[in-house]
Structures are given as structure tokens and as C-alpha cells.
């Protein structure tokens, strides 16, 4: 139920046990799952050194030196080092790249045809990663990286690896994930190749890609990141910034296709440069169908009070983002796609697609910008119509909650007005 009927499971559990309950699920540690917003506030604020990550299941997939796996003190130091490339002017540059890529993609779309938006979005977000994150200029390496990414996404075991420790062993009795690890080794080899080329690049100081900035970065003691640090961070950025953003774009297309009034208003907002409405549109997509159902988790290093009980130290507490996002007491008519609800600030500690606190997703601003640029470009050229009478069912792809069918929509000509300037790529305000 946790894997394949997440919403039904947590609604049943919250209905029976209240806002917080204990869950024993597959390869996860025994965990407390909560929608208690006061508890979420305390989990996301206060002393970050008494709460470690709860990402140990990702250790084999991402590497020990990933930001997501570092212990509290080192995590804070590394985060300071990695924050600059994901803010301000850098994010706007990446958005301009995304706009060029989506326009080229849309040139091949035909009115009257259907398109699986998720496949398109995966290509686009991967191209952004290759250029903006890795700084790959070599066409041969680009093609090899694309091929290995495509192969990994096609492996059914990819998602299972994250949840079951037995499958995380590269050499063991279960061969289900063998192909996955072979492809991962190929990817690691190519990342090492790109890291070495970046270190040796005579134009390193002029490069603006994230890898180049990480190679140049120095901590307070003047120490640089090692090759292992860099490779594990690149694995994290690729994993966190590729499939998640593509999934959100696919959901955005599905939701717009099934809500003609919202689609019409969004198209008008694009042409009128209505920045607040488009920001609200992206947030509403991320509320009603957050790509990751949980808003993060914390492994508590001291006892934690929750709902009149004392949770012992070393317990994992999972913040149920979908439970909060779809709670009618927090968001009235939670299943209604209603962007205008975000024209006002979101309720406190009730918008969790990027987690929060010391572990908030570094790429949140870039992801929101990518979603807005792609959906805006699509609306400028086409009217999106549903292929099925109902919104697609949720299916799990690894840790993602994706639309069944991949965000399949029909294309019709957009109403008059195409060609008017769309919004300049401006980074969203922080939540």
C-alpha cells in the first residue's frame, strides 16, 4: 500500500490513528509518519545539529559523500559551499537554456497528435543537467551520458533498489538489480571523466556550470572537494533534478488538460506577464501532485515530543507531504486544481514539495522555473486536451509519484495571441 496506493494508505492510517502513526514498511526503518504541522515546524526549525538526515537507504545509490548523506555538522558546511550556483542570476541563465530547448522541441510537435509529456520533459531536464550542471561540451560524451541515463530509466528494478537493502548490494544472491549497477558503474566512470576534464580545463575560471563552480569552491580552511565528493554530489544533483522536475511537468500538463478554465487563465497570464499567477500555478501543481509524497524525514538524535507522546531518540520521523497538501482543513477543496489559492502565502509548514529547514532542496528555485518555462511554452503554442475522461492515476516510479501514461495529452491549436512575449525567466520568490 505504501508503494502503490500511498494516498489511500495514509488517509486510512490517519483516519484510524490520527495525525501521527507508526509504520513498519519494507526496507525502511520503523518510522513515525506525521501531518502534525506543529511537529513539522519543530522538525524543520531549531538546532539542526540534533537532527540527522534519514536518507541511509540512498547511500549505495548516491554515495557516502553526497550532501544528502552527510552528518549534521558537515552537512551545514557542504551546503554553504553548494548554495551559490542555485540562486539569483545563475538560475536565470539556466532558465534561458531551458527556454531554448523547449522551443526546439515544440517545433516538432503536430496539432492533432498526442504527446507523452514526461518523455519530453525527461529529455529537457537531462539536457539542462548536461549543460548547466555538468558543463559537457563534448558531443560524444553527451551522447554516451544520454544513452546510460535512458538505459537506467528503462530498468524496472531502478525504483526497487531505493527501498530494499538486499538489492543495493552489487554482488549478492539477488540479480534483479545487476543491470542497474552495471549502468551505474558506467555513469560513475563518465562522471570521473568529466571531473578530470573540468579540473584540467584552461577556461575553468570562466565557466558558469555547477561542476566548474564546485571544482573552484573552497571551504573556510581553503580545502577543495575531492573527486569522490564531486562524483557523489553530481549523482545527487542528477537524481534530484532530472526525474523529479520531469514528473512535475508531466503532472502540470495533465492537470491543465483536465481543467480548461485554469488552462485559459494560465495562457492569458503568460501573455500578460502575470508573474504572480504563474508562480501560483507551479505551486498548485506541486501541491496537488508533489512528485515525492513525503516532505522529508529526520532521524532524531534526542527525544521528540509529538501529540502528547515522547518519541525516543534514533527514531525516524517522516513528514507526510501528500497528507498535508490534500488535507481539507489546510487546503479547502484539496482535489480542486486552483492556482489562485497561492496568490496568498501558503499556510505555514503546509507546502512541502522541497522539504524544508536545513535540508530544503537546493534546486527548488531552478525546478520551479523549469516547470514554469516548459508549461508556458506549451500553452503559447497549443491547447492541451485530455486523452482520458479522468485525471491519470498515480503510479510509482522509484520514489516518484508519476501520472500513469506519462502525462499523455492531445494537442490542439492555441487561441489567438501566439507570438506575444512570455515572461522573462525570473527566479521564483522563496517559499
Protein backbone atom coordinates (compact mmCIF):
# COMPACT_ATOMS: atom_id res chain seq x y z
CA UNK A 1 0.00 0.00 0.00
CA UNK A 2 2.85 2.41 0.82
CA UNK A 3 4.38 1.80 -2.61
CA UNK A 4 1.34 1.52 -4.86
CA UNK A 5 -1.60 3.18 -3.07
CA UNK A 6 0.16 5.80 -1.00
CA UNK A 7 -2.70 8.27 -0.71
CA UNK A 8 -5.27 5.63 0.17
CA UNK A 9 -2.90 4.12 2.72
CA UNK A 10 -2.08 7.34 4.58
CA UNK A 11 -5.71 8.53 4.50
CA UNK A 12 -6.79 5.22 6.05
CA UNK A 13 -3.99 5.33 8.64
CA UNK A 14 -4.59 8.97 9.60
CA UNK A 15 -8.34 8.28 9.79
CA UNK A 16 -7.75 5.38 12.16
CA UNK A 17 -4.85 6.66 14.26
CA UNK A 18 -4.86 10.44 13.91
CA UNK A 19 -2.26 12.86 12.54
CA UNK A 20 0.67 10.59 13.53
CA UNK A 21 1.16 6.84 13.35
CA UNK A 22 3.98 4.29 13.42
CA UNK A 23 4.72 2.40 10.21
CA UNK A 24 6.83 -0.68 9.52
CA UNK A 25 7.38 -0.76 5.77
CA UNK A 26 9.64 -2.93 3.64
CA UNK A 27 13.29 -1.96 3.92
CA UNK A 28 12.56 1.30 5.78
CA UNK A 29 13.41 1.64 9.47
CA UNK A 30 10.47 1.70 11.85
CA UNK A 31 9.14 5.23 11.35
CA UNK A 32 6.60 7.69 12.66
CA UNK A 33 4.59 9.31 9.84
CA UNK A 34 3.02 12.69 10.66
CA UNK A 35 0.94 15.54 9.27
CA UNK A 36 1.09 17.45 12.58
CA UNK A 37 2.11 20.92 11.41
CA UNK A 38 3.44 21.97 14.80
CA UNK A 39 5.64 18.89 14.79
CA UNK A 40 6.70 19.65 11.21
CA UNK A 41 7.59 23.20 12.27
CA UNK A 42 9.79 21.88 15.06
CA UNK A 43 11.37 19.30 12.77
CA UNK A 44 12.26 21.98 10.21
CA UNK A 45 13.45 24.65 12.66
CA UNK A 46 15.57 24.76 15.79
CA UNK A 47 19.02 23.29 16.20
CA UNK A 48 19.91 21.36 13.01
CA UNK A 49 22.68 19.51 14.84
CA UNK A 50 20.20 17.39 16.83
CA UNK A 51 18.50 16.01 13.71
CA UNK A 52 20.36 13.96 11.17
CA UNK A 53 19.05 13.01 7.74
CA UNK A 54 17.04 9.83 7.32
CA UNK A 55 18.45 9.05 3.87
CA UNK A 56 20.54 5.98 4.68
CA UNK A 57 18.67 3.88 2.10
CA UNK A 58 20.15 6.16 -0.58
CA UNK A 59 23.73 5.52 0.50
CA UNK A 60 24.57 2.93 -2.17
CA UNK A 61 22.70 4.79 -4.88
CA UNK A 62 24.20 8.24 -4.26
CA UNK A 63 27.42 7.66 -2.32
CA UNK A 64 28.61 8.40 1.21
CA UNK A 65 29.86 11.89 0.31
CA UNK A 66 26.55 13.12 -1.06
CA UNK A 67 25.08 16.18 0.66
CA UNK A 68 22.05 14.03 1.49
CA UNK A 69 24.18 11.55 3.45
CA UNK A 70 26.49 13.84 5.41
CA UNK A 71 26.11 14.10 9.17
CA UNK A 72 24.69 17.37 10.60
CA UNK A 73 27.87 19.41 11.13
CA UNK A 74 29.49 18.55 7.81
CA UNK A 75 26.14 18.85 6.04
CA UNK A 76 25.88 22.51 7.03
CA UNK A 77 29.43 23.24 5.82
CA UNK A 78 28.87 21.49 2.48
CA UNK A 79 25.54 23.21 1.97
CA UNK A 80 27.17 26.63 2.29
CA UNK A 81 29.63 25.57 -0.37
CA UNK A 82 26.96 24.37 -2.81
CA UNK A 83 24.30 27.07 -2.38
CA UNK A 84 25.59 29.90 -4.67
CA UNK A 85 25.04 28.16 -8.05
CA UNK A 86 21.33 27.71 -7.29
CA UNK A 87 20.34 31.31 -6.72
CA UNK A 88 19.93 34.64 -8.50
CA UNK A 89 21.49 35.24 -11.87
CA UNK A 90 22.74 31.67 -12.23
CA UNK A 91 19.19 30.32 -12.07
CA UNK A 92 18.03 32.82 -14.69
CA UNK A 93 20.80 31.66 -17.04
CA UNK A 94 19.67 28.05 -16.67
CA UNK A 95 16.08 29.09 -17.40
CA UNK A 96 17.12 30.75 -20.65
CA UNK A 97 18.76 27.49 -21.67
CA UNK A 98 15.54 25.61 -20.85
CA UNK A 99 13.52 28.07 -22.94
CA UNK A 100 15.75 27.47 -25.98
CA UNK A 101 15.48 23.71 -25.54
CA UNK A 102 11.68 23.62 -25.21
CA UNK A 103 11.19 25.87 -28.24
CA UNK A 104 13.27 23.48 -30.37
CA UNK A 105 11.28 20.54 -29.03
CA UNK A 106 7.93 22.19 -29.76
CA UNK A 107 8.92 22.78 -33.39
CA UNK A 108 8.44 19.03 -33.93
CA UNK A 109 5.01 18.79 -32.28
CA UNK A 110 1.98 18.48 -34.56
CA UNK A 111 -1.53 19.73 -33.94
CA UNK A 112 -3.99 16.87 -33.67
CA UNK A 113 -1.43 14.44 -32.28
CA UNK A 114 -0.91 13.22 -28.73
CA UNK A 115 2.32 13.51 -26.77
CA UNK A 116 3.65 11.86 -23.63
CA UNK A 117 4.92 14.96 -21.86
CA UNK A 118 7.02 13.04 -19.34
CA UNK A 119 9.35 11.64 -22.01
CA UNK A 120 9.80 15.11 -23.46
CA UNK A 121 10.41 16.62 -20.03
CA UNK A 122 12.99 13.93 -19.21
CA UNK A 123 14.94 14.88 -22.33
CA UNK A 124 14.74 18.57 -21.50
CA UNK A 125 15.74 18.26 -17.85
CA UNK A 126 18.59 15.95 -18.84
CA UNK A 127 19.86 18.49 -21.36
CA UNK A 128 19.79 21.16 -18.65
CA UNK A 129 21.80 18.85 -16.39
CA UNK A 130 24.34 18.09 -19.13
CA UNK A 131 24.87 21.78 -19.86
CA UNK A 132 24.13 23.68 -16.66
CA UNK A 133 25.26 21.10 -14.10
CA UNK A 134 28.00 19.07 -15.83
CA UNK A 135 29.17 21.61 -18.41
CA UNK A 136 29.54 18.85 -21.02
CA UNK A 137 30.73 20.31 -24.33
CA UNK A 138 31.99 17.07 -25.91
CA UNK A 139 29.18 15.73 -28.19
CA UNK A 140 30.46 12.17 -27.81
CA UNK A 141 30.29 12.30 -24.01
CA UNK A 142 26.86 13.90 -24.20
CA UNK A 143 25.59 11.01 -26.33
CA UNK A 144 27.12 8.41 -24.02
CA UNK A 145 25.61 10.06 -20.94
CA UNK A 146 22.18 10.26 -22.57
CA UNK A 147 22.39 6.59 -23.51
CA UNK A 148 23.25 5.44 -19.98
CA UNK A 149 20.52 7.63 -18.44
CA UNK A 150 17.93 6.24 -20.85
CA UNK A 151 19.06 2.70 -20.09
CA UNK A 152 18.81 3.25 -16.33
CA UNK A 153 15.31 4.70 -16.59
CA UNK A 154 14.20 1.66 -18.58
CA UNK A 155 15.29 -0.81 -15.87
CA UNK A 156 12.28 -1.96 -13.80
CA UNK A 157 14.47 -2.58 -10.74
CA UNK A 158 15.68 1.03 -10.53
CA UNK A 159 12.95 2.13 -8.12
CA UNK A 160 13.06 -1.04 -6.07
CA UNK A 161 16.75 -0.53 -5.34
CA UNK A 162 15.95 2.50 -3.20
CA UNK A 163 13.64 0.60 -0.85
CA UNK A 164 15.15 -2.83 -0.32
CA UNK A 165 18.69 -3.09 1.06
CA UNK A 166 19.19 -6.62 -0.35
CA UNK A 167 19.02 -5.14 -3.86
CA UNK A 168 21.56 -2.43 -3.02
CA UNK A 169 24.37 -4.99 -2.88
CA UNK A 170 26.33 -5.02 -6.09
CA UNK A 171 27.26 -8.67 -5.61
CA UNK A 172 24.73 -10.89 -3.89
CA UNK A 173 22.21 -13.68 -4.36
CA UNK A 174 19.57 -11.42 -5.92
CA UNK A 175 20.40 -10.50 -9.52
CA UNK A 176 17.36 -8.27 -10.11
CA UNK A 177 19.42 -5.08 -9.85
CA UNK A 178 22.56 -6.37 -11.60
CA UNK A 179 21.88 -4.43 -14.79
CA UNK A 180 21.19 -1.29 -12.78
CA UNK A 181 24.56 -1.44 -11.03
CA UNK A 182 26.40 -2.13 -14.27
CA UNK A 183 24.89 1.03 -15.74
CA UNK A 184 25.64 2.95 -12.56
CA UNK A 185 29.30 1.94 -12.83
CA UNK A 186 29.33 3.22 -16.41
CA UNK A 187 27.81 6.50 -15.26
CA UNK A 188 30.38 6.86 -12.47
CA UNK A 189 33.18 6.33 -14.98
CA UNK A 190 31.83 9.06 -17.25
CA UNK A 191 31.38 11.45 -14.32
CA UNK A 192 35.01 10.85 -13.30
CA UNK A 193 36.00 11.58 -16.90
CA UNK A 194 34.12 14.89 -16.84
CA UNK A 195 35.52 15.85 -13.43
CA UNK A 196 39.09 15.27 -14.65
CA UNK A 197 38.42 17.26 -17.83
CA UNK A 198 36.96 20.11 -15.79
CA UNK A 199 39.94 20.26 -13.42
CA UNK A 200 42.27 20.43 -16.44
CA UNK A 201 40.18 22.95 -18.39
CA UNK A 202 42.24 26.14 -19.03
CA UNK A 203 38.92 28.05 -19.19
CA UNK A 204 37.79 26.79 -15.77
CA UNK A 205 37.63 30.26 -14.22
CA UNK A 206 35.27 31.48 -16.94
CA UNK A 207 32.87 28.53 -16.81
CA UNK A 208 29.48 29.01 -15.15
CA UNK A 209 28.28 25.40 -14.93
CA UNK A 210 27.74 23.95 -11.46
CA UNK A 211 30.53 21.37 -11.71
CA UNK A 212 33.07 24.09 -12.53
CA UNK A 213 31.89 26.16 -9.57
CA UNK A 214 32.14 23.13 -7.28
CA UNK A 215 35.69 22.43 -8.52
CA UNK A 216 36.66 26.05 -7.75
CA UNK A 217 34.89 26.12 -4.38
CA UNK A 218 36.91 26.17 -1.15
CA UNK A 219 35.73 25.80 2.42
CA UNK A 220 36.72 28.07 5.31
CA UNK A 221 40.04 26.22 5.63
CA UNK A 222 40.80 26.53 1.92
CA UNK A 223 40.13 22.84 1.20
CA UNK A 224 38.61 21.77 -2.12
CA UNK A 225 36.13 18.95 -2.77
CA UNK A 226 37.74 15.63 -3.67
CA UNK A 227 36.88 13.72 -6.85
CA UNK A 228 34.76 11.35 -4.75
CA UNK A 229 32.90 14.28 -3.17
CA UNK A 230 32.26 15.75 -6.60
CA UNK A 231 31.06 12.47 -8.12
CA UNK A 232 28.67 11.79 -5.25
CA UNK A 233 27.29 15.34 -5.42
CA UNK A 234 26.80 15.02 -9.17
CA UNK A 235 24.94 11.75 -8.62
CA UNK A 236 22.70 13.59 -6.17
CA UNK A 237 22.06 16.56 -8.46
CA UNK A 238 21.26 14.27 -11.36
CA UNK A 239 18.91 12.08 -9.32
CA UNK A 240 17.17 15.00 -7.63
CA UNK A 241 16.95 17.33 -10.62
CA UNK A 242 16.08 15.04 -13.51
CA UNK A 243 13.14 12.74 -12.80
CA UNK A 244 11.52 14.93 -10.14
CA UNK A 245 11.19 18.01 -12.36
CA UNK A 246 10.13 15.93 -15.36
CA UNK A 247 7.41 14.30 -13.25
CA UNK A 248 6.10 17.70 -12.10
CA UNK A 249 5.99 18.96 -15.70
CA UNK A 250 4.04 15.87 -16.77
CA UNK A 251 1.54 16.39 -13.95
CA UNK A 252 1.24 20.06 -14.89
CA UNK A 253 0.30 19.14 -18.48
CA UNK A 254 -2.24 16.54 -17.23
CA UNK A 255 -3.83 18.96 -14.80
CA UNK A 256 -4.07 21.78 -17.35
CA UNK A 257 -5.57 19.43 -19.95
CA UNK A 258 -8.29 18.41 -17.48
CA UNK A 259 -9.00 21.96 -16.29
CA UNK A 260 -9.80 24.10 -19.31
CA UNK A 261 -10.67 27.18 -17.24
CA UNK A 262 -7.31 27.11 -15.46
CA UNK A 263 -5.53 26.49 -18.76
CA UNK A 264 -7.21 29.53 -20.33
CA UNK A 265 -6.30 31.70 -17.35
CA UNK A 266 -2.69 30.43 -17.39
CA UNK A 267 -2.33 31.16 -21.12
CA UNK A 268 -3.62 34.67 -20.52
CA UNK A 269 -1.15 35.05 -17.62
CA UNK A 270 1.74 34.06 -19.92
CA UNK A 271 0.80 36.70 -22.43
CA UNK A 272 0.13 39.41 -19.87
CA UNK A 273 3.35 38.73 -17.94
CA UNK A 274 1.34 37.89 -14.84
CA UNK A 275 4.23 36.59 -12.76
CA UNK A 276 2.29 36.02 -9.51
CA UNK A 277 -0.33 33.82 -11.20
CA UNK A 278 2.25 31.66 -12.97
CA UNK A 279 4.22 31.20 -9.76
CA UNK A 280 0.94 30.22 -8.10
CA UNK A 281 0.21 27.77 -10.93
CA UNK A 282 3.52 25.98 -10.39
CA UNK A 283 2.97 25.79 -6.64
CA UNK A 284 -0.51 24.36 -7.13
CA UNK A 285 0.87 21.64 -9.42
CA UNK A 286 3.43 20.80 -6.73
CA UNK A 287 0.76 20.82 -4.03
CA UNK A 288 -1.84 18.61 -5.64
CA UNK A 289 0.67 16.18 -7.18
CA UNK A 290 4.04 16.58 -5.47
CA UNK A 291 6.50 14.28 -7.31
CA UNK A 292 7.72 12.90 -3.96
CA UNK A 293 4.94 12.06 -1.49
CA UNK A 294 6.97 12.69 1.65
CA UNK A 295 8.28 16.12 2.59
CA UNK A 296 11.45 14.76 4.08
CA UNK A 297 12.37 12.83 7.21
CA UNK A 298 14.56 13.31 10.23
CA UNK A 299 16.49 10.81 12.31
CA UNK A 300 16.16 12.32 15.78
CA UNK A 301 19.28 12.49 17.93
CA UNK A 302 17.29 13.43 21.03
CA UNK A 303 13.75 12.62 22.27
CA UNK A 304 10.94 14.45 20.47
CA UNK A 305 7.50 15.39 21.78
CA UNK A 306 4.71 14.56 19.35
CA UNK A 307 0.99 14.50 20.03
CA UNK A 308 1.38 14.11 23.78
CA UNK A 309 3.90 11.28 23.42
CA UNK A 310 7.66 11.21 23.69
CA UNK A 311 9.30 9.73 20.61
CA UNK A 312 12.63 8.18 21.65
CA UNK A 313 15.93 9.24 20.10
CA UNK A 314 17.09 7.38 16.97
CA UNK A 315 13.51 7.25 15.68
CA UNK A 316 12.85 8.33 12.08
CA UNK A 317 10.00 10.83 11.68
CA UNK A 318 8.56 11.15 8.16
CA UNK A 319 6.70 14.31 7.14
CA UNK A 320 3.71 13.25 5.02
CA UNK A 321 3.61 15.96 2.34
CA UNK A 322 0.66 14.46 0.47
CA UNK A 323 -1.28 14.14 3.70
CA UNK A 324 -0.78 17.85 4.43
CA UNK A 325 -1.26 19.01 0.83
CA UNK A 326 -4.56 17.14 0.47
CA UNK A 327 -5.97 17.90 3.92
CA UNK A 328 -9.27 19.83 3.52
CA UNK A 329 -8.67 21.53 6.87
CA UNK A 330 -5.48 23.06 5.42
CA UNK A 331 -6.46 23.45 1.75
CA UNK A 332 -10.25 23.63 1.21
CA UNK A 333 -11.41 21.53 -1.77
CA UNK A 334 -7.99 19.83 -1.86
CA UNK A 335 -8.67 17.88 -5.07
CA UNK A 336 -9.64 21.01 -6.98
CA UNK A 337 -6.86 22.43 -9.17
CA UNK A 338 -6.99 26.04 -8.02
CA UNK A 339 -3.78 28.09 -8.54
CA UNK A 340 -5.29 31.27 -7.08
CA UNK A 341 -5.05 29.73 -3.62
CA UNK A 342 -1.31 30.51 -3.83
CA UNK A 343 -1.81 34.17 -4.68
CA UNK A 344 -1.74 34.48 -0.90
CA UNK A 345 1.09 32.97 1.18
CA UNK A 346 0.74 29.24 1.79
CA UNK A 347 -0.32 28.16 5.28
CA UNK A 348 2.75 27.80 7.48
CA UNK A 349 4.56 24.47 7.22
CA UNK A 350 1.96 23.19 4.77
CA UNK A 351 3.85 23.33 1.45
CA UNK A 352 6.48 20.63 1.39
CA UNK A 353 7.41 19.53 -2.16
CA UNK A 354 11.03 20.53 -1.48
CA UNK A 355 11.18 19.64 2.19
CA UNK A 356 12.36 22.45 4.40
CA UNK A 357 14.76 23.71 7.02
CA UNK A 358 18.45 22.84 6.83
CA UNK A 359 17.72 20.06 4.32
CA UNK A 360 15.50 22.01 1.92
CA UNK A 361 16.18 21.07 -1.72
CA UNK A 362 18.98 23.24 -3.12
CA UNK A 363 17.45 23.18 -6.60
CA UNK A 364 13.94 24.29 -5.59
CA UNK A 365 14.12 27.66 -7.40
CA UNK A 366 15.56 26.07 -10.55
CA UNK A 367 12.92 23.31 -10.57
CA UNK A 368 10.03 25.78 -10.24
CA UNK A 369 11.50 27.89 -13.00
CA UNK A 370 11.90 24.92 -15.34
CA UNK A 371 8.28 23.86 -14.74
CA UNK A 372 7.01 27.36 -15.48
CA UNK A 373 9.12 27.82 -18.61
CA UNK A 374 8.09 24.48 -20.14
CA UNK A 375 4.37 24.77 -19.34
CA UNK A 376 4.34 28.39 -20.54
CA UNK A 377 5.95 27.47 -23.86
CA UNK A 378 3.46 24.63 -24.38
CA UNK A 379 0.48 26.88 -23.65
CA UNK A 380 1.78 29.54 -26.02
CA UNK A 381 1.61 27.14 -28.96
CA UNK A 382 -1.06 24.59 -28.11
CA UNK A 383 -4.27 23.94 -26.30
CA UNK A 384 -3.84 20.82 -24.20
CA UNK A 385 -6.76 18.41 -24.19
CA UNK A 386 -7.21 15.25 -22.13
CA UNK A 387 -6.76 11.83 -23.68
CA UNK A 388 -8.85 10.09 -20.99
CA UNK A 389 -12.00 11.31 -19.23
CA UNK A 390 -10.31 11.35 -15.81
CA UNK A 391 -7.02 12.59 -14.46
CA UNK A 392 -4.34 9.91 -14.72
CA UNK A 393 -3.86 7.53 -11.83
CA UNK A 394 -0.75 7.85 -9.71
CA UNK A 395 1.94 5.23 -10.36
CA UNK A 396 5.22 4.90 -8.51
CA UNK A 397 8.46 5.28 -10.47
CA UNK A 398 11.18 4.69 -7.93
CA UNK A 399 10.49 7.32 -5.26
CA UNK A 400 8.41 9.41 -7.72
CA UNK A 401 4.62 9.66 -7.87
CA UNK A 402 4.09 9.90 -11.64
CA UNK A 403 1.00 10.08 -13.86
CA UNK A 404 0.07 6.77 -15.45
CA UNK A 405 0.64 7.09 -19.18
CA UNK A 406 3.37 9.69 -18.74
CA UNK A 407 1.24 12.83 -18.91
CA UNK A 408 -0.38 11.94 -22.24
CA UNK A 409 -2.25 14.93 -23.75
CA UNK A 410 -3.78 15.84 -27.12
CA UNK A 411 -2.59 18.95 -28.96
CA UNK A 412 -4.96 21.49 -30.48
CA UNK A 413 -4.16 24.97 -31.86
CA UNK A 414 -3.81 27.60 -29.16
CA UNK A 415 -6.22 30.52 -29.22
CA UNK A 416 -5.20 33.73 -30.95
CA UNK A 417 -2.34 35.65 -29.49
CA UNK A 418 0.66 33.41 -30.04
CA UNK A 419 3.88 35.26 -30.51
CA UNK A 420 3.33 37.83 -27.77
CA UNK A 421 6.28 37.87 -25.38
CA UNK A 422 6.14 35.49 -22.44
CA UNK A 423 7.54 36.18 -19.03
CA UNK A 424 11.22 36.79 -18.71
CA UNK A 425 12.86 33.98 -16.73
CA UNK A 426 12.88 35.36 -13.21
CA UNK A 427 13.64 33.14 -10.24
CA UNK A 428 10.59 32.48 -8.02
CA UNK A 429 10.50 34.09 -4.61
CA UNK A 430 11.50 31.66 -1.84
CA UNK A 431 8.65 29.89 -0.06
